[in-house]
Amino acid sequence: MGLPLSARLLPVALMLWACAAVSPMSTSRCDVADMNEVLGDPLAHAGRVYCGDVFAVEYGQTARLLGRAEDMPPSNDVALLVTTRTRRALEGLSPSPQRFYVEALIDPQRPCFIPSGSGEECVPYRRPISVHIRTARRIAER
């Protein structure tokens, strides 16, 4: 006869716990609270967690973050693009900017920020930044 079920499941539970413990999405630390800092030097904030208010908007087939509602339409120069996997955290997303508090991992697409020397550019976004939302809360306007 084999091991009891609890003994067989324990290694699986420990493995899942270990994966969650080292995942960059599992941490709750905040490294930067000023979106202007992130936009000013995205590569310096790669792998850091932004916590603060932003405006989220559904724009075409993308979910974008803006520092201000007045930044509509969103720029294709430095573009904060919410990942497809974490987009569902932005409940109530619409074509008009909505204020959210977010905690998100900043992931600039490094090759697009470093001149290639060949004259090639990243398109349609010149300097895209993937944003991995960990948590989001819509803030009601007063």
C-alpha atoms as a PDB file:
ATOM      1  CA  MET A   1       0.000   0.000   0.000  1.00  0.00           C
ATOM      2  CA  GLY A   2       1.249   3.520  -0.705  1.00  0.00           C
ATOM      3  CA  LEU A   3       1.704   6.593   1.400  1.00  0.00           C
ATOM      4  CA  PRO A   4      -1.334   8.385   2.846  1.00  0.00           C
ATOM      5  CA  LEU A   5      -2.800  11.138   0.659  1.00  0.00           C
ATOM      6  CA  SER A   6      -1.573  13.908   2.994  1.00  0.00           C
ATOM      7  CA  ALA A   7       2.007  12.625   2.712  1.00  0.00           C
ATOM      8  CA  ARG A   8       1.777  12.589  -1.092  1.00  0.00           C
ATOM      9  CA  LEU A   9       0.323  16.122  -1.271  1.00  0.00           C
ATOM     10  CA  LEU A  10       2.807  17.736   1.132  1.00  0.00           C
ATOM     11  CA  PRO A  11       5.656  17.942  -1.431  1.00  0.00           C
ATOM     12  CA  VAL A  12       3.289  19.528  -3.959  1.00  0.00           C
ATOM     13  CA  ALA A  13       2.118  22.105  -1.414  1.00  0.00           C
ATOM     14  CA  LEU A  14       5.701  22.947  -0.465  1.00  0.00           C
ATOM     15  CA  MET A  15       6.673  23.347  -4.120  1.00  0.00           C
ATOM     16  CA  LEU A  16       3.758  25.734  -4.779  1.00  0.00           C
ATOM     17  CA  TRP A  17       4.623  27.756  -1.670  1.00  0.00           C
ATOM     18  CA  ALA A  18       8.260  28.007  -2.763  1.00  0.00           C
ATOM     19  CA  CYS A  19       7.292  29.199  -6.243  1.00  0.00           C
ATOM     20  CA  ALA A  20       5.000  31.879  -4.793  1.00  0.00           C
ATOM     21  CA  ALA A  21       7.675  32.995  -2.343  1.00  0.00           C
ATOM     22  CA  VAL A  22      10.209  33.762  -5.084  1.00  0.00           C
ATOM     23  CA  SER A  23       7.810  35.132  -7.679  1.00  0.00           C
ATOM     24  CA  PRO A  24       8.266  38.873  -8.390  1.00  0.00           C
ATOM     25  CA  MET A  25       4.480  39.143  -8.401  1.00  0.00           C
ATOM     26  CA  SER A  26       4.160  37.847  -4.831  1.00  0.00           C
ATOM     27  CA  THR A  27       6.008  40.614  -3.034  1.00  0.00           C
ATOM     28  CA  SER A  28       4.136  43.571  -1.554  1.00  0.00           C
ATOM     29  CA  ARG A  29       6.966  46.098  -1.445  1.00  0.00           C
ATOM     30  CA  CYS A  30       6.724  49.459  -3.174  1.00  0.00           C
ATOM     31  CA  ASP A  31       9.853  50.921  -4.706  1.00  0.00           C
ATOM     32  CA  VAL A  32       8.548  54.065  -6.378  1.00  0.00           C
ATOM     33  CA  ALA A  33       5.480  56.236  -5.809  1.00  0.00           C
ATOM     34  CA  ASP A  34       6.005  58.920  -8.463  1.00  0.00           C
ATOM     35  CA  MET A  35       4.981  57.971 -11.992  1.00  0.00           C
ATOM     36  CA  ASN A  36       7.037  60.872 -13.364  1.00  0.00           C
ATOM     37  CA  GLU A  37      10.166  59.117 -12.024  1.00  0.00           C
ATOM     38  CA  VAL A  38       9.218  55.961 -13.914  1.00  0.00           C
ATOM     39  CA  LEU A  39       8.491  57.850 -17.131  1.00  0.00           C
ATOM     40  CA  GLY A  40      11.666  59.922 -16.770  1.00  0.00           C
ATOM     41  CA  ASP A  41      13.978  56.894 -16.604  1.00  0.00           C
ATOM     42  CA  PRO A  42      12.143  53.623 -17.240  1.00  0.00           C
ATOM     43  CA  LEU A  43      15.291  51.482 -17.405  1.00  0.00           C
ATOM     44  CA  ALA A  44      16.359  52.620 -13.928  1.00  0.00           C
ATOM     45  CA  HIS A  45      13.007  51.355 -12.620  1.00  0.00           C
ATOM     46  CA  ALA A  46      13.062  47.978 -14.398  1.00  0.00           C
ATOM     47  CA  GLY A  47      11.929  45.251 -12.008  1.00  0.00           C
ATOM     48  CA  ARG A  48      10.713  47.754  -9.431  1.00  0.00           C
ATOM     49  CA  VAL A  49       7.200  48.034  -8.085  1.00  0.00           C
ATOM     50  CA  TYR A  50       5.232  51.243  -8.613  1.00  0.00           C
ATOM     51  CA  CYS A  51       2.507  52.024  -6.081  1.00  0.00           C
ATOM     52  CA  GLY A  52       0.266  55.016  -6.608  1.00  0.00           C
ATOM     53  CA  ASP A  53      -2.515  56.677  -8.525  1.00  0.00           C
ATOM     54  CA  VAL A  54      -2.737  56.483 -12.303  1.00  0.00           C
ATOM     55  CA  PHE A  55      -5.378  56.855 -14.955  1.00  0.00           C
ATOM     56  CA  ALA A  56      -6.217  53.673 -16.838  1.00  0.00           C
ATOM     57  CA  VAL A  57      -7.837  53.670 -20.230  1.00  0.00           C
ATOM     58  CA  GLU A  58      -8.903  51.123 -22.806  1.00  0.00           C
ATOM     59  CA  TYR A  59      -7.325  52.350 -26.013  1.00  0.00           C
ATOM     60  CA  GLY A  60      -7.797  50.277 -29.130  1.00  0.00           C
ATOM     61  CA  GLN A  61      -6.939  46.712 -28.198  1.00  0.00           C
ATOM     62  CA  THR A  62      -4.709  47.763 -25.274  1.00  0.00           C
ATOM     63  CA  ALA A  63      -5.059  48.831 -21.668  1.00  0.00           C
ATOM     64  CA  ARG A  64      -2.827  51.829 -21.031  1.00  0.00           C
ATOM     65  CA  LEU A  65      -1.783  53.730 -17.919  1.00  0.00           C
ATOM     66  CA  LEU A  66      -1.458  57.502 -17.921  1.00  0.00           C
ATOM     67  CA  GLY A  67       0.036  59.845 -15.369  1.00  0.00           C
ATOM     68  CA  ARG A  68      -2.786  62.354 -15.955  1.00  0.00           C
ATOM     69  CA  ALA A  69      -6.222  62.177 -17.546  1.00  0.00           C
ATOM     70  CA  GLU A  70      -5.144  65.054 -19.808  1.00  0.00           C
ATOM     71  CA  ASP A  71      -2.576  62.741 -21.437  1.00  0.00           C
ATOM     72  CA  MET A  72      -5.292  61.463 -23.792  1.00  0.00           C
ATOM     73  CA  PRO A  73      -4.793  60.249 -26.406  1.00  0.00           C
ATOM     74  CA  PRO A  74      -1.965  58.087 -25.035  1.00  0.00           C
ATOM     75  CA  SER A  75       1.492  58.602 -26.468  1.00  0.00           C
ATOM     76  CA  ASN A  76       3.139  55.962 -28.625  1.00  0.00           C
ATOM     77  CA  ASP A  77       6.547  57.310 -27.558  1.00  0.00           C
ATOM     78  CA  VAL A  78       6.759  56.066 -23.952  1.00  0.00           C
ATOM     79  CA  ALA A  79       3.792  53.708 -23.632  1.00  0.00           C
ATOM     80  CA  LEU A  80       2.704  52.100 -20.345  1.00  0.00           C
ATOM     81  CA  LEU A  81       1.000  48.919 -21.566  1.00  0.00           C
ATOM     82  CA  VAL A  82      -0.876  46.729 -19.095  1.00  0.00           C
ATOM     83  CA  THR A  83      -0.155  43.068 -19.731  1.00  0.00           C
ATOM     84  CA  THR A  84      -3.000  40.941 -21.022  1.00  0.00           C
ATOM     85  CA  ARG A  85      -2.639  38.568 -18.074  1.00  0.00           C
ATOM     86  CA  THR A  86      -3.040  41.324 -15.446  1.00  0.00           C
ATOM     87  CA  ARG A  87      -5.513  43.567 -17.292  1.00  0.00           C
ATOM     88  CA  ARG A  88      -8.538  42.034 -15.529  1.00  0.00           C
ATOM     89  CA  ALA A  89      -7.422  43.731 -12.282  1.00  0.00           C
ATOM     90  CA  LEU A  90      -8.616  47.020 -13.783  1.00  0.00           C
ATOM     91  CA  GLU A  91     -12.347  46.558 -13.204  1.00  0.00           C
ATOM     92  CA  GLY A  92     -14.411  49.205 -14.946  1.00  0.00           C
ATOM     93  CA  LEU A  93     -11.821  49.925 -17.622  1.00  0.00           C
ATOM     94  CA  SER A  94     -13.285  52.095 -20.389  1.00  0.00           C
ATOM     95  CA  PRO A  95     -12.245  54.332 -23.301  1.00  0.00           C
ATOM     96  CA  SER A  96     -12.353  57.334 -20.966  1.00  0.00           C
ATOM     97  CA  PRO A  97      -9.608  57.643 -18.329  1.00  0.00           C
ATOM     98  CA  GLN A  98     -10.527  56.229 -14.903  1.00  0.00           C
ATOM     99  CA  ARG A  99      -8.472  56.874 -11.760  1.00  0.00           C
ATOM    100  CA  PHE A 100      -6.998  53.785 -10.084  1.00  0.00           C
ATOM    101  CA  TYR A 101      -4.594  53.051  -7.273  1.00  0.00           C
ATOM    102  CA  VAL A 102      -2.255  50.344  -8.584  1.00  0.00           C
ATOM    103  CA  GLU A 103       0.652  48.281  -7.422  1.00  0.00           C
ATOM    104  CA  ALA A 104       2.503  47.109 -10.505  1.00  0.00           C
ATOM    105  CA  LEU A 105       5.824  45.692 -11.627  1.00  0.00           C
ATOM    106  CA  ILE A 106       7.583  47.918 -14.177  1.00  0.00           C
ATOM    107  CA  ASP A 107       9.083  46.025 -17.129  1.00  0.00           C
ATOM    108  CA  PRO A 108      10.489  48.280 -19.882  1.00  0.00           C
ATOM    109  CA  GLN A 109      11.206  46.469 -23.127  1.00  0.00           C
ATOM    110  CA  ARG A 110      14.956  47.111 -22.924  1.00  0.00           C
ATOM    111  CA  PRO A 111      15.868  46.674 -26.633  1.00  0.00           C
ATOM    112  CA  CYS A 112      13.523  49.548 -27.501  1.00  0.00           C
ATOM    113  CA  PHE A 113      15.298  51.926 -25.095  1.00  0.00           C
ATOM    114  CA  ILE A 114      18.831  51.241 -26.325  1.00  0.00           C
ATOM    115  CA  PRO A 115      19.798  52.707 -29.718  1.00  0.00           C
ATOM    116  CA  SER A 116      20.399  49.861 -32.137  1.00  0.00           C
ATOM    117  CA  GLY A 117      22.731  51.732 -34.464  1.00  0.00           C
ATOM    118  CA  SER A 118      20.832  50.271 -37.403  1.00  0.00           C
ATOM    119  CA  GLY A 119      18.201  52.986 -37.380  1.00  0.00           C
ATOM    120  CA  GLU A 120      15.470  50.449 -36.645  1.00  0.00           C
ATOM    121  CA  GLU A 121      12.762  51.483 -34.223  1.00  0.00           C
ATOM    122  CA  CYS A 122      10.237  49.603 -32.183  1.00  0.00           C
ATOM    123  CA  VAL A 123       6.728  49.984 -33.602  1.00  0.00           C
ATOM    124  CA  PRO A 124       3.993  50.878 -32.975  1.00  0.00           C
ATOM    125  CA  TYR A 125       5.364  51.932 -29.567  1.00  0.00           C
ATOM    126  CA  ARG A 126       8.769  53.559 -29.650  1.00  0.00           C
ATOM    127  CA  ARG A 127       9.574  52.799 -25.982  1.00  0.00           C
ATOM    128  CA  PRO A 128       7.034  50.316 -24.565  1.00  0.00           C
ATOM    129  CA  ILE A 129       6.872  49.519 -20.866  1.00  0.00           C
ATOM    130  CA  SER A 130       4.979  46.397 -19.853  1.00  0.00           C
ATOM    131  CA  VAL A 131       3.099  46.904 -16.615  1.00  0.00           C
ATOM    132  CA  HIS A 132       2.263  43.810 -14.568  1.00  0.00           C
ATOM    133  CA  ILE A 133      -0.628  44.838 -12.277  1.00  0.00           C
ATOM    134  CA  ARG A 134      -0.531  43.086  -8.903  1.00  0.00           C
ATOM    135  CA  THR A 135      -3.445  44.928  -7.379  1.00  0.00           C
ATOM    136  CA  ALA A 136      -5.732  47.717  -8.546  1.00  0.00           C
ATOM    137  CA  ARG A 137      -8.519  49.645  -6.905  1.00  0.00           C
ATOM    138  CA  ARG A 138     -10.721  52.112  -8.757  1.00  0.00           C
ATOM    139  CA  ILE A 139     -10.935  55.498  -7.085  1.00  0.00           C
ATOM    140  CA  ALA A 140     -14.327  57.168  -7.311  1.00  0.00           C
ATOM    141  CA  GLU A 141     -14.235  60.760  -8.520  1.00  0.00           C
ATOM    142  CA  ARG A 142     -15.772  63.277  -6.154  1.00  0.00           C
END
